[in-house]
Amino acid sequence: MPYSINLKGKLIDLSTPLVMGILNVTPDSFYEKSRTTTEESILSRVKEIIDEGATIIDIGAYSSRVNAEHISEDEEMRRLSAALEIILNEYPDAIISIDTFRSGIAKKCVEEFGVAIINDISGGELDKNMFETVAELQVPYILMHMKGTPQNMAENTDYKHLLQEIFYYFSEKINRLHLLGVNDIIIDPGFGFAKDLNQNYELLSHLSDFRIFDHPLLVGISRKSMIYKLLGITSDESLNGTTVLNTIALMSGAHMLRVHDVKAAIEAVKIIEKMKQSN
């Protein structure tokens, strides 16, 4: 089924999957090469994301890797403000998503910088005001599944029925968002968040089942431990594995890919779209 999302007043068609390029303004993200903390490195990364064909730039200032350092809301906003000013001065028409679980950050970034999407790893669990804030802001909301926090999620992998619990989580939260008037919801199963290696692959094998929610599906699997731990390599060596999993995700109905390596993801999209046309 074709979907579209409203980005800054413009309907963006998702019948061809979009690619979202990751920009981390953190000193401690799990993939070292994704860290950008200077004006030069931020602009270089943004240029790369745009030139390689991504539609959206996803900016995060709070590392969500396992056992990540907890930073204050003021520090998160300081990092984001600095990056957003640099980017928008050079690329005023950039479509930007903010990776945050804090409603105050979401509100400031949308109202002061014109950010187009809120990407919340906690699905509203870590800030009880997030759903109401998104409803007020009327921007698309990426609803991700996670249990616990980035600091303790690795210990929160105990499920009686993995898929049933995740599906219940999404059905309950989507219903709450709809009641608040939020309709532009993008579902993210949360690969690597409170899921062990086997659970991640079980989730991937059932990705097409998420069609039941009738909302676009985002997959963020880029260079994650489910690749490098399985293959006995490092995140630096995980581009090939990432492309394989992104291809599986696209074949299973993903509408958006959140990636470090935009060019490879765009190529995967083009090949899968060609295959669809040839059927």
C-alpha atoms as a PDB file:
ATOM      1  CA  MET A   1       0.000   0.000   0.000  1.00  0.00           C
ATOM      2  CA  PRO A   2       1.424   3.458  -0.908  1.00  0.00           C
ATOM      3  CA  TYR A   3       2.015   5.904   1.944  1.00  0.00           C
ATOM      4  CA  SER A   4       2.999   9.547   2.198  1.00  0.00           C
ATOM      5  CA  ILE A   5       4.187  11.772   5.046  1.00  0.00           C
ATOM      6  CA  ASN A   6       3.823  15.511   5.512  1.00  0.00           C
ATOM      7  CA  LEU A   7       7.255  17.108   5.716  1.00  0.00           C
ATOM      8  CA  LYS A   8       7.131  20.865   6.289  1.00  0.00           C
ATOM      9  CA  GLY A   9       3.811  21.187   4.455  1.00  0.00           C
ATOM     10  CA  LYS A  10       4.818  18.995   1.521  1.00  0.00           C
ATOM     11  CA  LEU A  11       3.483  15.476   0.992  1.00  0.00           C
ATOM     12  CA  ILE A  12       6.382  13.088   0.412  1.00  0.00           C
ATOM     13  CA  ASP A  13       5.492   9.875  -1.408  1.00  0.00           C
ATOM     14  CA  LEU A  14       6.836   6.683   0.158  1.00  0.00           C
ATOM     15  CA  SER A  15       5.941   4.316  -2.669  1.00  0.00           C
ATOM     16  CA  THR A  16       9.698   4.342  -3.350  1.00  0.00           C
ATOM     17  CA  PRO A  17      11.522   3.902  -0.024  1.00  0.00           C
ATOM     18  CA  LEU A  18      13.434   6.886   1.366  1.00  0.00           C
ATOM     19  CA  VAL A  19      16.880   6.938   2.897  1.00  0.00           C
ATOM     20  CA  MET A  20      17.666   8.824   6.106  1.00  0.00           C
ATOM     21  CA  GLY A  21      21.332   9.688   6.691  1.00  0.00           C
ATOM     22  CA  ILE A  22      22.677   9.583  10.247  1.00  0.00           C
ATOM     23  CA  LEU A  23      24.512  12.596  11.680  1.00  0.00           C
ATOM     24  CA  ASN A  24      25.761  12.113  15.234  1.00  0.00           C
ATOM     25  CA  VAL A  25      26.907  15.226  17.085  1.00  0.00           C
ATOM     26  CA  THR A  26      28.131  13.081  19.946  1.00  0.00           C
ATOM     27  CA  PRO A  27      31.612  12.109  21.118  1.00  0.00           C
ATOM     28  CA  ASP A  28      30.597   8.506  21.932  1.00  0.00           C
ATOM     29  CA  SER A  29      28.298   6.976  19.283  1.00  0.00           C
ATOM     30  CA  PHE A  30      28.957   3.269  18.738  1.00  0.00           C
ATOM     31  CA  TYR A  31      30.225   3.744  15.158  1.00  0.00           C
ATOM     32  CA  GLU A  32      33.274   5.989  15.555  1.00  0.00           C
ATOM     33  CA  LYS A  33      33.269   7.303  11.974  1.00  0.00           C
ATOM     34  CA  SER A  34      29.734   8.696  12.433  1.00  0.00           C
ATOM     35  CA  ARG A  35      30.800  11.133  15.180  1.00  0.00           C
ATOM     36  CA  THR A  36      30.932  14.784  14.143  1.00  0.00           C
ATOM     37  CA  THR A  37      31.740  17.501  16.662  1.00  0.00           C
ATOM     38  CA  THR A  38      33.327  20.345  14.659  1.00  0.00           C
ATOM     39  CA  GLU A  39      31.776  22.761  12.149  1.00  0.00           C
ATOM     40  CA  GLU A  40      33.959  21.347   9.384  1.00  0.00           C
ATOM     41  CA  SER A  41      33.063  17.709  10.116  1.00  0.00           C
ATOM     42  CA  ILE A  42      29.343  18.497  10.440  1.00  0.00           C
ATOM     43  CA  LEU A  43      29.203  20.301   7.086  1.00  0.00           C
ATOM     44  CA  SER A  44      31.299  17.622   5.412  1.00  0.00           C
ATOM     45  CA  ARG A  45      28.947  14.909   6.663  1.00  0.00           C
ATOM     46  CA  VAL A  46      25.794  16.820   5.661  1.00  0.00           C
ATOM     47  CA  LYS A  47      27.192  17.414   2.169  1.00  0.00           C
ATOM     48  CA  GLU A  48      27.959  13.700   1.878  1.00  0.00           C
ATOM     49  CA  ILE A  49      24.442  12.709   3.016  1.00  0.00           C
ATOM     50  CA  ILE A  50      22.776  15.097   0.555  1.00  0.00           C
ATOM     51  CA  ASP A  51      25.113  14.379  -2.374  1.00  0.00           C
ATOM     52  CA  GLU A  52      24.614  10.628  -1.995  1.00  0.00           C
ATOM     53  CA  GLY A  53      20.844  10.992  -2.247  1.00  0.00           C
ATOM     54  CA  ALA A  54      19.290  10.879   1.220  1.00  0.00           C
ATOM     55  CA  THR A  55      15.958  12.665   1.661  1.00  0.00           C
ATOM     56  CA  ILE A  56      16.271  13.203   5.425  1.00  0.00           C
ATOM     57  CA  ILE A  57      19.145  14.011   7.799  1.00  0.00           C
ATOM     58  CA  ASP A  58      18.655  12.446  11.238  1.00  0.00           C
ATOM     59  CA  ILE A  59      20.601  14.341  13.895  1.00  0.00           C
ATOM     60  CA  GLY A  60      21.291  12.859  17.311  1.00  0.00           C
ATOM     61  CA  ALA A  61      23.078  14.482  20.228  1.00  0.00           C
ATOM     62  CA  TYR A  62      22.412  11.789  22.864  1.00  0.00           C
ATOM     63  CA  SER A  63      24.195   8.510  22.214  1.00  0.00           C
ATOM     64  CA  SER A  64      21.860   5.525  22.438  1.00  0.00           C
ATOM     65  CA  ARG A  65      24.543   2.840  22.362  1.00  0.00           C
ATOM     66  CA  VAL A  66      24.560   0.259  25.163  1.00  0.00           C
ATOM     67  CA  ASN A  67      25.771   1.805  28.444  1.00  0.00           C
ATOM     68  CA  ALA A  68      25.861   5.272  26.868  1.00  0.00           C
ATOM     69  CA  GLU A  69      26.665   8.239  29.077  1.00  0.00           C
ATOM     70  CA  HIS A  70      23.559  10.043  30.296  1.00  0.00           C
ATOM     71  CA  ILE A  71      23.715  13.759  29.457  1.00  0.00           C
ATOM     72  CA  SER A  72      21.487  16.603  30.634  1.00  0.00           C
ATOM     73  CA  GLU A  73      18.738  18.138  28.531  1.00  0.00           C
ATOM     74  CA  ASP A  74      20.710  21.405  28.454  1.00  0.00           C
ATOM     75  CA  GLU A  75      23.790  19.644  27.063  1.00  0.00           C
ATOM     76  CA  GLU A  76      21.729  17.781  24.451  1.00  0.00           C
ATOM     77  CA  MET A  77      20.118  21.048  23.322  1.00  0.00           C
ATOM     78  CA  ARG A  78      23.470  22.848  23.276  1.00  0.00           C
ATOM     79  CA  ARG A  79      24.902  20.246  20.892  1.00  0.00           C
ATOM     80  CA  LEU A  80      21.803  20.269  18.684  1.00  0.00           C
ATOM     81  CA  SER A  81      21.499  24.069  18.524  1.00  0.00           C
ATOM     82  CA  ALA A  82      25.110  24.430  17.444  1.00  0.00           C
ATOM     83  CA  ALA A  83      24.728  21.766  14.739  1.00  0.00           C
ATOM     84  CA  LEU A  84      21.372  23.038  13.466  1.00  0.00           C
ATOM     85  CA  GLU A  85      22.655  26.612  13.129  1.00  0.00           C
ATOM     86  CA  ILE A  86      25.665  25.382  11.144  1.00  0.00           C
ATOM     87  CA  ILE A  87      23.558  23.160   8.866  1.00  0.00           C
ATOM     88  CA  LEU A  88      20.669  25.534   8.196  1.00  0.00           C
ATOM     89  CA  ASN A  89      22.997  28.429   7.453  1.00  0.00           C
ATOM     90  CA  GLU A  90      24.509  26.362   4.628  1.00  0.00           C
ATOM     91  CA  TYR A  91      21.530  24.151   3.719  1.00  0.00           C
ATOM     92  CA  PRO A  92      18.344  26.087   4.617  1.00  0.00           C
ATOM     93  CA  ASP A  93      16.054  23.651   2.769  1.00  0.00           C
ATOM     94  CA  ALA A  94      17.413  20.489   4.413  1.00  0.00           C
ATOM     95  CA  ILE A  95      14.767  18.119   5.788  1.00  0.00           C
ATOM     96  CA  ILE A  96      15.904  17.323   9.299  1.00  0.00           C
ATOM     97  CA  SER A  97      14.790  14.729  11.823  1.00  0.00           C
ATOM     98  CA  ILE A  98      15.803  15.013  15.481  1.00  0.00           C
ATOM     99  CA  ASP A  99      16.672  11.835  17.355  1.00  0.00           C
ATOM    100  CA  THR A 100      15.494  12.641  20.892  1.00  0.00           C
ATOM    101  CA  PHE A 101      13.250  11.177  23.594  1.00  0.00           C
ATOM    102  CA  ARG A 102      12.772  14.552  25.335  1.00  0.00           C
ATOM    103  CA  SER A 103       9.649  16.556  24.561  1.00  0.00           C
ATOM    104  CA  GLY A 104      11.308  19.875  25.457  1.00  0.00           C
ATOM    105  CA  ILE A 105      14.061  19.229  22.913  1.00  0.00           C
ATOM    106  CA  ALA A 106      11.484  18.212  20.296  1.00  0.00           C
ATOM    107  CA  LYS A 107       9.491  21.401  20.854  1.00  0.00           C
ATOM    108  CA  LYS A 108      12.504  23.730  20.637  1.00  0.00           C
ATOM    109  CA  CYS A 109      13.923  22.048  17.541  1.00  0.00           C
ATOM    110  CA  VAL A 110      10.626  22.251  15.647  1.00  0.00           C
ATOM    111  CA  GLU A 111       9.672  25.779  16.736  1.00  0.00           C
ATOM    112  CA  GLU A 112      13.111  27.404  16.607  1.00  0.00           C
ATOM    113  CA  PHE A 113      14.785  25.498  13.759  1.00  0.00           C
ATOM    114  CA  GLY A 114      11.922  24.152  11.641  1.00  0.00           C
ATOM    115  CA  VAL A 115      12.813  20.500  12.187  1.00  0.00           C
ATOM    116  CA  ALA A 116      10.476  18.232  10.196  1.00  0.00           C
ATOM    117  CA  ILE A 117      10.379  14.913  12.139  1.00  0.00           C
ATOM    118  CA  ILE A 118      10.754  13.685  15.715  1.00  0.00           C
ATOM    119  CA  ASN A 119      12.529  10.340  16.059  1.00  0.00           C
ATOM    120  CA  ASP A 120      11.922   8.954  19.571  1.00  0.00           C
ATOM    121  CA  ILE A 121      13.803   5.777  20.529  1.00  0.00           C
ATOM    122  CA  SER A 122      11.659   5.393  23.657  1.00  0.00           C
ATOM    123  CA  GLY A 123       8.184   5.555  22.092  1.00  0.00           C
ATOM    124  CA  GLY A 124       7.151   8.114  24.688  1.00  0.00           C
ATOM    125  CA  GLU A 125       8.280   5.929  27.606  1.00  0.00           C
ATOM    126  CA  LEU A 126      11.058   8.245  28.828  1.00  0.00           C
ATOM    127  CA  ASP A 127       9.046  11.489  28.675  1.00  0.00           C
ATOM    128  CA  LYS A 128       5.336  11.371  29.511  1.00  0.00           C
ATOM    129  CA  ASN A 129       4.766  14.655  27.641  1.00  0.00           C
ATOM    130  CA  MET A 130       6.137  13.475  24.291  1.00  0.00           C
ATOM    131  CA  PHE A 131       2.858  12.305  22.700  1.00  0.00           C
ATOM    132  CA  GLU A 132       1.013  15.509  23.609  1.00  0.00           C
ATOM    133  CA  THR A 133       3.960  17.591  22.370  1.00  0.00           C
ATOM    134  CA  VAL A 134       4.026  15.801  18.998  1.00  0.00           C
ATOM    135  CA  ALA A 135       0.253  16.306  18.707  1.00  0.00           C
ATOM    136  CA  GLU A 136       0.736  20.024  19.372  1.00  0.00           C
ATOM    137  CA  LEU A 137       3.621  20.336  16.902  1.00  0.00           C
ATOM    138  CA  GLN A 138       1.855  18.323  14.160  1.00  0.00           C
ATOM    139  CA  VAL A 139       5.025  16.793  12.749  1.00  0.00           C
ATOM    140  CA  PRO A 140       5.603  13.160  11.772  1.00  0.00           C
ATOM    141  CA  TYR A 141       6.648  10.970  14.685  1.00  0.00           C
ATOM    142  CA  ILE A 142       8.929   7.940  14.503  1.00  0.00           C
ATOM    143  CA  LEU A 143       7.653   5.519  17.143  1.00  0.00           C
ATOM    144  CA  MET A 144      10.345   3.004  18.113  1.00  0.00           C
ATOM    145  CA  HIS A 145      10.204  -0.056  20.335  1.00  0.00           C
ATOM    146  CA  MET A 146      12.603  -0.232  23.261  1.00  0.00           C
ATOM    147  CA  LYS A 147      12.430  -1.556  26.825  1.00  0.00           C
ATOM    148  CA  GLY A 148      14.276   0.316  29.568  1.00  0.00           C
ATOM    149  CA  THR A 149      16.839   3.000  28.757  1.00  0.00           C
ATOM    150  CA  PRO A 150      20.042   3.105  26.665  1.00  0.00           C
ATOM    151  CA  GLN A 151      21.915   2.541  29.932  1.00  0.00           C
ATOM    152  CA  ASN A 152      20.114  -0.722  30.844  1.00  0.00           C
ATOM    153  CA  MET A 153      18.397  -1.986  27.656  1.00  0.00           C
ATOM    154  CA  ALA A 154      20.937  -4.813  27.261  1.00  0.00           C
ATOM    155  CA  GLU A 155      19.497  -6.361  30.441  1.00  0.00           C
ATOM    156  CA  ASN A 156      15.904  -5.975  29.197  1.00  0.00           C
ATOM    157  CA  THR A 157      15.794  -8.771  26.625  1.00  0.00           C
ATOM    158  CA  ASP A 158      13.463 -11.124  28.510  1.00  0.00           C
ATOM    159  CA  TYR A 159      10.260 -11.696  26.525  1.00  0.00           C
ATOM    160  CA  LYS A 160       7.690 -14.459  26.909  1.00  0.00           C
ATOM    161  CA  HIS A 161       6.530 -13.876  23.334  1.00  0.00           C
ATOM    162  CA  LEU A 162       8.757 -11.389  21.480  1.00  0.00           C
ATOM    163  CA  LEU A 163       6.489 -10.559  18.538  1.00  0.00           C
ATOM    164  CA  GLN A 164       3.267 -10.520  20.552  1.00  0.00           C
ATOM    165  CA  GLU A 165       4.741  -8.109  23.093  1.00  0.00           C
ATOM    166  CA  ILE A 166       6.155  -5.779  20.436  1.00  0.00           C
ATOM    167  CA  PHE A 167       2.887  -5.801  18.475  1.00  0.00           C
ATOM    168  CA  TYR A 168       0.900  -5.024  21.638  1.00  0.00           C
ATOM    169  CA  TYR A 169       3.296  -2.142  22.394  1.00  0.00           C
ATOM    170  CA  PHE A 170       2.712  -0.621  18.949  1.00  0.00           C
ATOM    171  CA  SER A 171      -1.062  -1.140  18.900  1.00  0.00           C
ATOM    172  CA  GLU A 172      -1.481   0.540  22.286  1.00  0.00           C
ATOM    173  CA  LYS A 173       0.755   3.509  21.461  1.00  0.00           C
ATOM    174  CA  ILE A 174      -0.655   4.037  17.960  1.00  0.00           C
ATOM    175  CA  ASN A 175      -4.132   4.103  19.448  1.00  0.00           C
ATOM    176  CA  ARG A 176      -3.083   6.750  21.998  1.00  0.00           C
ATOM    177  CA  LEU A 177      -1.447   8.868  19.300  1.00  0.00           C
ATOM    178  CA  HIS A 178      -4.519   8.636  17.052  1.00  0.00           C
ATOM    179  CA  LEU A 179      -6.742   9.791  19.923  1.00  0.00           C
ATOM    180  CA  LEU A 180      -4.487  12.848  20.278  1.00  0.00           C
ATOM    181  CA  GLY A 181      -4.786  13.589  16.547  1.00  0.00           C
ATOM    182  CA  VAL A 182      -1.357  12.327  15.477  1.00  0.00           C
ATOM    183  CA  ASN A 183      -1.679  10.513  12.144  1.00  0.00           C
ATOM    184  CA  ASP A 184       1.806  10.802  10.609  1.00  0.00           C
ATOM    185  CA  ILE A 185       3.297   7.881  12.533  1.00  0.00           C
ATOM    186  CA  ILE A 186       6.293   5.882  11.307  1.00  0.00           C
ATOM    187  CA  ILE A 187       6.965   2.545  13.029  1.00  0.00           C
ATOM    188  CA  ASP A 188      10.517   1.466  13.927  1.00  0.00           C
ATOM    189  CA  PRO A 189      10.844  -2.076  15.401  1.00  0.00           C
ATOM    190  CA  GLY A 190      14.006  -0.991  17.238  1.00  0.00           C
ATOM    191  CA  PHE A 191      16.674  -3.404  16.076  1.00  0.00           C
ATOM    192  CA  GLY A 192      19.381  -3.673  18.720  1.00  0.00           C
ATOM    193  CA  PHE A 193      17.315  -1.984  21.418  1.00  0.00           C
ATOM    194  CA  ALA A 194      16.478  -4.416  24.250  1.00  0.00           C
ATOM    195  CA  LYS A 195      16.861  -7.360  21.860  1.00  0.00           C
ATOM    196  CA  ASP A 196      19.633  -9.942  21.720  1.00  0.00           C
ATOM    197  CA  LEU A 197      21.177 -11.242  18.510  1.00  0.00           C
ATOM    198  CA  ASN A 198      18.677 -14.064  17.967  1.00  0.00           C
ATOM    199  CA  GLN A 199      15.706 -11.812  18.775  1.00  0.00           C
ATOM    200  CA  ASN A 200      16.884  -9.262  16.198  1.00  0.00           C
ATOM    201  CA  TYR A 201      16.894 -11.903  13.469  1.00  0.00           C
ATOM    202  CA  GLU A 202      13.528 -13.273  14.586  1.00  0.00           C
ATOM    203  CA  LEU A 203      12.155  -9.744  14.319  1.00  0.00           C
ATOM    204  CA  LEU A 204      13.686  -9.244  10.875  1.00  0.00           C
ATOM    205  CA  SER A 205      12.187 -12.505   9.626  1.00  0.00           C
ATOM    206  CA  HIS A 206       8.706 -11.236  10.576  1.00  0.00           C
ATOM    207  CA  LEU A 207       9.144  -7.674   9.313  1.00  0.00           C
ATOM    208  CA  SER A 208       6.396  -7.999   6.695  1.00  0.00           C
ATOM    209  CA  ASP A 209       3.887  -8.697   9.503  1.00  0.00           C
ATOM    210  CA  PHE A 210       4.143  -5.028  10.549  1.00  0.00           C
ATOM    211  CA  ARG A 211       1.889  -4.178   7.589  1.00  0.00           C
ATOM    212  CA  ILE A 212      -1.011  -4.895   9.946  1.00  0.00           C
ATOM    213  CA  PHE A 213      -0.521  -1.451  11.541  1.00  0.00           C
ATOM    214  CA  ASP A 214      -1.124   0.408   8.270  1.00  0.00           C
ATOM    215  CA  HIS A 215       1.706   2.875   8.892  1.00  0.00           C
ATOM    216  CA  PRO A 216       5.062   3.347   7.137  1.00  0.00           C
ATOM    217  CA  LEU A 217       7.907   1.186   8.443  1.00  0.00           C
ATOM    218  CA  LEU A 218      11.423   2.441   9.201  1.00  0.00           C
ATOM    219  CA  VAL A 219      14.370   0.077   9.624  1.00  0.00           C
ATOM    220  CA  GLY A 220      17.542   1.190  11.398  1.00  0.00           C
ATOM    221  CA  ILE A 221      19.966  -1.694  11.185  1.00  0.00           C
ATOM    222  CA  SER A 222      23.109   0.062   9.951  1.00  0.00           C
ATOM    223  CA  ARG A 223      26.402  -1.427  11.225  1.00  0.00           C
ATOM    224  CA  LYS A 224      24.727  -2.775  14.383  1.00  0.00           C
ATOM    225  CA  SER A 225      25.993  -5.565  16.608  1.00  0.00           C
ATOM    226  CA  MET A 226      23.558  -8.090  15.112  1.00  0.00           C
ATOM    227  CA  ILE A 227      25.837  -7.886  12.069  1.00  0.00           C
ATOM    228  CA  TYR A 228      29.336  -7.638  13.488  1.00  0.00           C
ATOM    229  CA  LYS A 229      28.839 -10.039  16.407  1.00  0.00           C
ATOM    230  CA  LEU A 230      27.366 -12.692  14.110  1.00  0.00           C
ATOM    231  CA  LEU A 231      30.194 -12.320  11.587  1.00  0.00           C
ATOM    232  CA  GLY A 232      33.028 -11.857  14.090  1.00  0.00           C
ATOM    233  CA  ILE A 233      34.024  -8.464  12.694  1.00  0.00           C
ATOM    234  CA  THR A 234      33.818  -4.808  13.780  1.00  0.00           C
ATOM    235  CA  SER A 235      31.295  -2.066  13.014  1.00  0.00           C
ATOM    236  CA  ASP A 236      33.917  -0.591  10.655  1.00  0.00           C
ATOM    237  CA  GLU A 237      33.778  -3.813   8.623  1.00  0.00           C
ATOM    238  CA  SER A 238      29.969  -4.120   8.601  1.00  0.00           C
ATOM    239  CA  LEU A 239      28.951  -2.301   5.414  1.00  0.00           C
ATOM    240  CA  ASN A 240      28.429  -5.485   3.414  1.00  0.00           C
ATOM    241  CA  GLY A 241      26.311  -7.055   6.170  1.00  0.00           C
ATOM    242  CA  THR A 242      24.342  -3.830   6.478  1.00  0.00           C
ATOM    243  CA  THR A 243      23.540  -3.836   2.761  1.00  0.00           C
ATOM    244  CA  VAL A 244      22.394  -7.463   2.933  1.00  0.00           C
ATOM    245  CA  LEU A 245      20.035  -6.715   5.832  1.00  0.00           C
ATOM    246  CA  ASN A 246      18.776  -3.470   4.272  1.00  0.00           C
ATOM    247  CA  THR A 247      17.951  -5.434   1.121  1.00  0.00           C
ATOM    248  CA  ILE A 248      16.018  -8.010   3.154  1.00  0.00           C
ATOM    249  CA  ALA A 249      14.194  -5.150   4.912  1.00  0.00           C
ATOM    250  CA  LEU A 250      13.248  -3.536   1.587  1.00  0.00           C
ATOM    251  CA  MET A 251      11.967  -6.863   0.256  1.00  0.00           C
ATOM    252  CA  SER A 252       9.901  -7.199   3.448  1.00  0.00           C
ATOM    253  CA  GLY A 253       8.196  -3.828   2.974  1.00  0.00           C
ATOM    254  CA  ALA A 254      10.413  -1.194   4.648  1.00  0.00           C
ATOM    255  CA  HIS A 255       9.548   2.367   3.559  1.00  0.00           C
ATOM    256  CA  MET A 256      12.552   4.116   5.111  1.00  0.00           C
ATOM    257  CA  LEU A 257      16.136   3.099   5.848  1.00  0.00           C
ATOM    258  CA  ARG A 258      18.140   4.904   8.540  1.00  0.00           C
ATOM    259  CA  VAL A 259      21.809   4.466   7.615  1.00  0.00           C
ATOM    260  CA  HIS A 260      25.399   5.588   7.976  1.00  0.00           C
ATOM    261  CA  ASP A 261      26.213   4.688   4.363  1.00  0.00           C
ATOM    262  CA  VAL A 262      23.732   6.532   2.153  1.00  0.00           C
ATOM    263  CA  LYS A 263      25.152   5.600  -1.255  1.00  0.00           C
ATOM    264  CA  ALA A 264      24.958   1.851  -0.571  1.00  0.00           C
ATOM    265  CA  ALA A 265      21.395   2.158   0.725  1.00  0.00           C
ATOM    266  CA  ILE A 266      20.257   4.207  -2.291  1.00  0.00           C
ATOM    267  CA  GLU A 267      21.712   1.555  -4.580  1.00  0.00           C
ATOM    268  CA  ALA A 268      19.831  -1.188  -2.697  1.00  0.00           C
ATOM    269  CA  VAL A 269      16.585   0.788  -3.076  1.00  0.00           C
ATOM    270  CA  LYS A 270      17.155   1.246  -6.826  1.00  0.00           C
ATOM    271  CA  ILE A 271      17.832  -2.446  -7.385  1.00  0.00           C
ATOM    272  CA  ILE A 272      14.806  -3.611  -5.384  1.00  0.00           C
ATOM    273  CA  GLU A 273      12.565  -1.084  -7.151  1.00  0.00           C
ATOM    274  CA  LYS A 274      13.797  -2.369 -10.517  1.00  0.00           C
ATOM    275  CA  MET A 275      13.024  -5.919  -9.437  1.00  0.00           C
ATOM    276  CA  LYS A 276       9.484  -4.879  -8.506  1.00  0.00           C
ATOM    277  CA  GLN A 277       8.963  -3.279 -11.927  1.00  0.00           C
ATOM    278  CA  SER A 278      10.137  -6.470 -13.628  1.00  0.00           C
ATOM    279  CA  ASN A 279       7.562  -8.711 -11.900  1.00  0.00           C
END
